[in-house]
Amino acid sequence: MRRIVIGITSLEQHIEAVKTHPERYRPRCCPHCGIKVLWRHGHYERKAGRQLEQRSLNPVPICRYRCTGCQRTCSRLPECIAPRRWYDWSVQQEALKQRLKGCSEGLRADCGGPDERTVDRWWQWLKARGEVFEFHLRARFAELGRAAGFDAFWRRVFESMGLARAMAVLDHELSVP
């Protein structure tokens, strides 16, 4: 099951989509048992607006769906919200860009950015999963195949599609993050 809905790139778009087209978030089938009958089961709220310059839209609703077979619930996130992460993809991308440039300090925690240990974790995660991510992304996007090396590849990903879209594409085949 794709956990990320591609094409919803901002919290404003997400809030509007939940109000007008919540069915866009309905999974095709239950990720637990595979039954294809899921009913809307309210929503939960999540703090997602953690960008420095963004006005707070918190908390944002995340639609939940309940399986008629196994009675478990599931949900899908918009492209702009990272699963199981405190900061969204754009903040992570900016911090990782700084690392790719060779800067050890990105956004400062005292200015509302992520802590350096958090950025280190993201960097280690990207390094550890990088080969698998590169393989799948290069297979889908020919222009990424021209980038030689880890740093050049991720710079090209950030420039061409961004971390959010790359992770949404990868979500179909892999578990991200």
C-alpha atoms as a PDB file:
ATOM      1  CA  MET A   1       0.000   0.000   0.000  1.00  0.00           C
ATOM      2  CA  ARG A   2       1.241   3.453  -0.783  1.00  0.00           C
ATOM      3  CA  ARG A   3       1.302   5.404   2.470  1.00  0.00           C
ATOM      4  CA  ILE A   4       2.000   8.689   0.699  1.00  0.00           C
ATOM      5  CA  VAL A   5      -0.490  10.441  -1.601  1.00  0.00           C
ATOM      6  CA  ILE A   6       1.461  12.037  -4.435  1.00  0.00           C
ATOM      7  CA  GLY A   7       0.548  15.524  -5.571  1.00  0.00           C
ATOM      8  CA  ILE A   8      -0.423  17.182  -2.293  1.00  0.00           C
ATOM      9  CA  THR A   9       2.631  19.330  -1.719  1.00  0.00           C
ATOM     10  CA  SER A  10       1.516  21.778   0.969  1.00  0.00           C
ATOM     11  CA  LEU A  11      -0.451  21.690   4.187  1.00  0.00           C
ATOM     12  CA  GLU A  12      -2.962  24.130   2.706  1.00  0.00           C
ATOM     13  CA  GLN A  13      -3.609  21.735  -0.198  1.00  0.00           C
ATOM     14  CA  HIS A  14      -3.914  18.859   2.268  1.00  0.00           C
ATOM     15  CA  ILE A  15      -6.481  20.628   4.461  1.00  0.00           C
ATOM     16  CA  GLU A  16      -8.518  21.572   1.382  1.00  0.00           C
ATOM     17  CA  ALA A  17      -8.334  17.996   0.025  1.00  0.00           C
ATOM     18  CA  VAL A  18      -9.523  16.560   3.350  1.00  0.00           C
ATOM     19  CA  LYS A  19     -12.507  18.935   3.283  1.00  0.00           C
ATOM     20  CA  THR A  20     -13.461  18.487  -0.364  1.00  0.00           C
ATOM     21  CA  HIS A  21     -12.079  15.116  -1.546  1.00  0.00           C
ATOM     22  CA  PRO A  22     -11.283  12.859   1.427  1.00  0.00           C
ATOM     23  CA  GLU A  23     -11.693   9.812  -0.831  1.00  0.00           C
ATOM     24  CA  ARG A  24      -8.352  10.692  -2.379  1.00  0.00           C
ATOM     25  CA  TYR A  25      -6.775   9.349   0.811  1.00  0.00           C
ATOM     26  CA  ARG A  26      -8.711   6.052   0.828  1.00  0.00           C
ATOM     27  CA  PRO A  27      -6.354   3.090   0.310  1.00  0.00           C
ATOM     28  CA  ARG A  28      -7.267   0.628  -2.441  1.00  0.00           C
ATOM     29  CA  CYS A  29      -7.125  -2.243   0.018  1.00  0.00           C
ATOM     30  CA  CYS A  30      -6.350  -2.937   3.648  1.00  0.00           C
ATOM     31  CA  PRO A  31      -2.572  -3.021   4.236  1.00  0.00           C
ATOM     32  CA  HIS A  32      -3.076  -5.646   6.942  1.00  0.00           C
ATOM     33  CA  CYS A  33      -5.377  -8.267   5.363  1.00  0.00           C
ATOM     34  CA  GLY A  34      -5.834  -7.135   1.737  1.00  0.00           C
ATOM     35  CA  ILE A  35      -9.625  -6.772   1.778  1.00  0.00           C
ATOM     36  CA  LYS A  36     -10.776  -3.975  -0.511  1.00  0.00           C
ATOM     37  CA  VAL A  37     -13.628  -2.622   1.612  1.00  0.00           C
ATOM     38  CA  LEU A  38     -12.499   0.287   3.791  1.00  0.00           C
ATOM     39  CA  TRP A  39     -14.843   2.733   5.464  1.00  0.00           C
ATOM     40  CA  ARG A  40     -14.024   6.244   6.544  1.00  0.00           C
ATOM     41  CA  HIS A  41     -13.351   6.172  10.273  1.00  0.00           C
ATOM     42  CA  GLY A  42     -12.916   9.803  11.265  1.00  0.00           C
ATOM     43  CA  HIS A  43      -9.477  11.339  11.546  1.00  0.00           C
ATOM     44  CA  TYR A  44      -6.618  11.934  13.916  1.00  0.00           C
ATOM     45  CA  GLU A  45      -4.727  15.152  14.307  1.00  0.00           C
ATOM     46  CA  ARG A  46      -1.034  15.617  13.725  1.00  0.00           C
ATOM     47  CA  LYS A  47       1.340  18.520  14.181  1.00  0.00           C
ATOM     48  CA  ALA A  48       2.917  18.915  10.783  1.00  0.00           C
ATOM     49  CA  GLY A  49       3.660  22.605  10.265  1.00  0.00           C
ATOM     50  CA  ARG A  50       7.171  22.905  11.658  1.00  0.00           C
ATOM     51  CA  GLN A  51       8.768  25.082   8.991  1.00  0.00           C
ATOM     52  CA  LEU A  52      10.416  28.238  10.237  1.00  0.00           C
ATOM     53  CA  GLU A  53       8.691  30.716   7.933  1.00  0.00           C
ATOM     54  CA  GLN A  54       5.302  29.008   7.764  1.00  0.00           C
ATOM     55  CA  ARG A  55       2.312  30.156   9.761  1.00  0.00           C
ATOM     56  CA  SER A  56       1.050  27.437  12.023  1.00  0.00           C
ATOM     57  CA  LEU A  57      -1.729  25.271  10.630  1.00  0.00           C
ATOM     58  CA  ASN A  58      -1.412  22.782  13.459  1.00  0.00           C
ATOM     59  CA  PRO A  59      -2.942  20.418  14.112  1.00  0.00           C
ATOM     60  CA  VAL A  60      -3.859  19.054  10.670  1.00  0.00           C
ATOM     61  CA  PRO A  61      -6.400  16.247  10.205  1.00  0.00           C
ATOM     62  CA  ILE A  62      -5.272  12.876   8.829  1.00  0.00           C
ATOM     63  CA  CYS A  63      -8.145  10.724   7.511  1.00  0.00           C
ATOM     64  CA  ARG A  64      -8.470   7.230   8.942  1.00  0.00           C
ATOM     65  CA  TYR A  65     -10.108   4.246   7.277  1.00  0.00           C
ATOM     66  CA  ARG A  66     -11.323   1.033   8.893  1.00  0.00           C
ATOM     67  CA  CYS A  67     -11.237  -2.387   7.268  1.00  0.00           C
ATOM     68  CA  THR A  68     -14.503  -4.350   7.308  1.00  0.00           C
ATOM     69  CA  GLY A  69     -12.560  -7.619   7.494  1.00  0.00           C
ATOM     70  CA  CYS A  70      -9.911  -7.282  10.174  1.00  0.00           C
ATOM     71  CA  GLN A  71     -11.388  -4.152  11.844  1.00  0.00           C
ATOM     72  CA  ARG A  72      -7.986  -2.421  11.868  1.00  0.00           C
ATOM     73  CA  THR A  73      -7.500   1.180  10.837  1.00  0.00           C
ATOM     74  CA  CYS A  74      -5.050   2.713   8.415  1.00  0.00           C
ATOM     75  CA  SER A  75      -4.288   6.130   6.999  1.00  0.00           C
ATOM     76  CA  ARG A  76      -2.319   7.794   4.216  1.00  0.00           C
ATOM     77  CA  LEU A  77      -0.314  10.995   4.379  1.00  0.00           C
ATOM     78  CA  PRO A  78       0.053  13.773   1.809  1.00  0.00           C
ATOM     79  CA  GLU A  79       3.385  14.126   0.016  1.00  0.00           C
ATOM     80  CA  CYS A  80       4.353  17.103   2.179  1.00  0.00           C
ATOM     81  CA  ILE A  81       4.261  15.189   5.500  1.00  0.00           C
ATOM     82  CA  ALA A  82       6.975  12.644   6.241  1.00  0.00           C
ATOM     83  CA  PRO A  83       5.803   9.414   7.860  1.00  0.00           C
ATOM     84  CA  ARG A  84       7.151   8.895  11.389  1.00  0.00           C
ATOM     85  CA  ARG A  85       9.132  12.137  11.314  1.00  0.00           C
ATOM     86  CA  TRP A  86       8.800  15.306  13.351  1.00  0.00           C
ATOM     87  CA  TYR A  87       9.909  17.651  10.550  1.00  0.00           C
ATOM     88  CA  ASP A  88       8.486  17.632   7.039  1.00  0.00           C
ATOM     89  CA  TRP A  89      10.433  16.692   3.919  1.00  0.00           C
ATOM     90  CA  SER A  90      11.322  20.283   2.982  1.00  0.00           C
ATOM     91  CA  VAL A  91      13.088  20.906   6.309  1.00  0.00           C
ATOM     92  CA  GLN A  92      14.917  17.600   5.985  1.00  0.00           C
ATOM     93  CA  GLN A  93      15.933  18.430   2.421  1.00  0.00           C
ATOM     94  CA  GLU A  94      17.389  21.793   3.443  1.00  0.00           C
ATOM     95  CA  ALA A  95      19.380  20.222   6.267  1.00  0.00           C
ATOM     96  CA  LEU A  96      20.650  17.425   4.008  1.00  0.00           C
ATOM     97  CA  LYS A  97      21.567  19.957   1.295  1.00  0.00           C
ATOM     98  CA  GLN A  98      23.822  21.670   3.810  1.00  0.00           C
ATOM     99  CA  ARG A  99      25.495  18.333   4.541  1.00  0.00           C
ATOM    100  CA  LEU A 100      25.999  17.685   0.843  1.00  0.00           C
ATOM    101  CA  LYS A 101      27.722  21.072   0.569  1.00  0.00           C
ATOM    102  CA  GLY A 102      30.060  20.018   3.339  1.00  0.00           C
ATOM    103  CA  CYS A 103      28.591  22.216   6.062  1.00  0.00           C
ATOM    104  CA  SER A 104      28.338  20.482   9.386  1.00  0.00           C
ATOM    105  CA  GLU A 105      25.861  23.045  10.676  1.00  0.00           C
ATOM    106  CA  GLY A 106      22.541  23.556   8.969  1.00  0.00           C
ATOM    107  CA  LEU A 107      19.528  25.131  10.545  1.00  0.00           C
ATOM    108  CA  ARG A 108      20.102  25.774  14.227  1.00  0.00           C
ATOM    109  CA  ALA A 109      17.819  24.208  16.826  1.00  0.00           C
ATOM    110  CA  ASP A 110      17.694  27.469  18.784  1.00  0.00           C
ATOM    111  CA  CYS A 111      16.251  29.178  15.671  1.00  0.00           C
ATOM    112  CA  GLY A 112      13.471  26.589  15.324  1.00  0.00           C
ATOM    113  CA  GLY A 113      15.374  24.201  13.079  1.00  0.00           C
ATOM    114  CA  PRO A 114      16.250  20.587  13.799  1.00  0.00           C
ATOM    115  CA  ASP A 115      18.915  19.721  16.329  1.00  0.00           C
ATOM    116  CA  GLU A 116      22.307  18.698  14.956  1.00  0.00           C
ATOM    117  CA  ARG A 117      21.835  15.158  16.306  1.00  0.00           C
ATOM    118  CA  THR A 118      18.574  14.924  14.378  1.00  0.00           C
ATOM    119  CA  VAL A 119      20.300  16.031  11.177  1.00  0.00           C
ATOM    120  CA  ASP A 120      23.030  13.451  11.882  1.00  0.00           C
ATOM    121  CA  ARG A 121      20.361  10.746  12.136  1.00  0.00           C
ATOM    122  CA  TRP A 122      18.828  11.847   8.840  1.00  0.00           C
ATOM    123  CA  TRP A 123      22.264  11.861   7.212  1.00  0.00           C
ATOM    124  CA  GLN A 124      23.055   8.365   8.506  1.00  0.00           C
ATOM    125  CA  TRP A 125      19.635   7.132   7.345  1.00  0.00           C
ATOM    126  CA  LEU A 126      20.222   8.525   3.853  1.00  0.00           C
ATOM    127  CA  LYS A 127      23.738   7.053   3.692  1.00  0.00           C
ATOM    128  CA  ALA A 128      22.528   3.635   4.887  1.00  0.00           C
ATOM    129  CA  ARG A 129      19.549   3.431   2.504  1.00  0.00           C
ATOM    130  CA  GLY A 130      21.130   5.495  -0.278  1.00  0.00           C
ATOM    131  CA  GLU A 131      22.134   2.617  -2.546  1.00  0.00           C
ATOM    132  CA  VAL A 132      18.667   1.086  -2.510  1.00  0.00           C
ATOM    133  CA  PHE A 133      17.017   4.476  -3.017  1.00  0.00           C
ATOM    134  CA  GLU A 134      19.430   5.289  -5.853  1.00  0.00           C
ATOM    135  CA  PHE A 135      18.751   1.977  -7.573  1.00  0.00           C
ATOM    136  CA  HIS A 136      14.983   2.482  -7.629  1.00  0.00           C
ATOM    137  CA  LEU A 137      15.121   6.171  -8.548  1.00  0.00           C
ATOM    138  CA  ARG A 138      17.663   5.657 -11.344  1.00  0.00           C
ATOM    139  CA  ALA A 139      15.482   2.861 -12.748  1.00  0.00           C
ATOM    140  CA  ARG A 140      12.502   5.236 -12.977  1.00  0.00           C
ATOM    141  CA  PHE A 141      14.175   8.508 -13.921  1.00  0.00           C
ATOM    142  CA  ALA A 142      16.823   8.301 -16.628  1.00  0.00           C
ATOM    143  CA  GLU A 143      18.189  11.811 -15.969  1.00  0.00           C
ATOM    144  CA  LEU A 144      19.288  10.699 -12.497  1.00  0.00           C
ATOM    145  CA  GLY A 145      21.464   7.991 -14.030  1.00  0.00           C
ATOM    146  CA  ARG A 146      23.909  10.623 -15.228  1.00  0.00           C
ATOM    147  CA  ALA A 147      24.856  11.694 -11.692  1.00  0.00           C
ATOM    148  CA  ALA A 148      28.071  10.043 -10.544  1.00  0.00           C
ATOM    149  CA  GLY A 149      28.463   9.403  -6.842  1.00  0.00           C
ATOM    150  CA  PHE A 150      26.311   9.788  -3.757  1.00  0.00           C
ATOM    151  CA  ASP A 151      26.617  13.571  -3.384  1.00  0.00           C
ATOM    152  CA  ALA A 152      25.999  14.356  -7.066  1.00  0.00           C
ATOM    153  CA  PHE A 153      23.037  11.987  -7.187  1.00  0.00           C
ATOM    154  CA  TRP A 154      21.255  13.524  -4.203  1.00  0.00           C
ATOM    155  CA  ARG A 155      21.976  17.066  -5.375  1.00  0.00           C
ATOM    156  CA  ARG A 156      20.327  16.181  -8.669  1.00  0.00           C
ATOM    157  CA  VAL A 157      17.354  14.592  -6.868  1.00  0.00           C
ATOM    158  CA  PHE A 158      16.879  17.717  -4.732  1.00  0.00           C
ATOM    159  CA  GLU A 159      17.087  19.976  -7.804  1.00  0.00           C
ATOM    160  CA  SER A 160      14.895  17.925 -10.122  1.00  0.00           C
ATOM    161  CA  MET A 161      12.110  16.549  -7.936  1.00  0.00           C
ATOM    162  CA  GLY A 162      12.835  17.240  -4.294  1.00  0.00           C
ATOM    163  CA  LEU A 163      13.076  14.866  -1.368  1.00  0.00           C
ATOM    164  CA  ALA A 164       9.294  14.757  -0.816  1.00  0.00           C
ATOM    165  CA  ARG A 165       8.506  13.565  -4.340  1.00  0.00           C
ATOM    166  CA  ALA A 166      11.433  11.120  -4.343  1.00  0.00           C
ATOM    167  CA  MET A 167      10.232   9.523  -1.104  1.00  0.00           C
ATOM    168  CA  ALA A 168       6.636   9.419  -2.369  1.00  0.00           C
ATOM    169  CA  VAL A 169       7.806   7.577  -5.489  1.00  0.00           C
ATOM    170  CA  LEU A 170       9.935   5.187  -3.418  1.00  0.00           C
ATOM    171  CA  ASP A 171       7.064   4.553  -1.000  1.00  0.00           C
ATOM    172  CA  HIS A 172       5.425   2.325  -3.590  1.00  0.00           C
ATOM    173  CA  GLU A 173       8.263  -0.222  -3.443  1.00  0.00           C
ATOM    174  CA  LEU A 174      10.002   0.460  -0.133  1.00  0.00           C
ATOM    175  CA  SER A 175       9.191   1.561   3.376  1.00  0.00           C
ATOM    176  CA  VAL A 176      10.288   5.165   3.866  1.00  0.00           C
ATOM    177  CA  PRO A 177      11.534   6.515   6.191  1.00  0.00           C
END
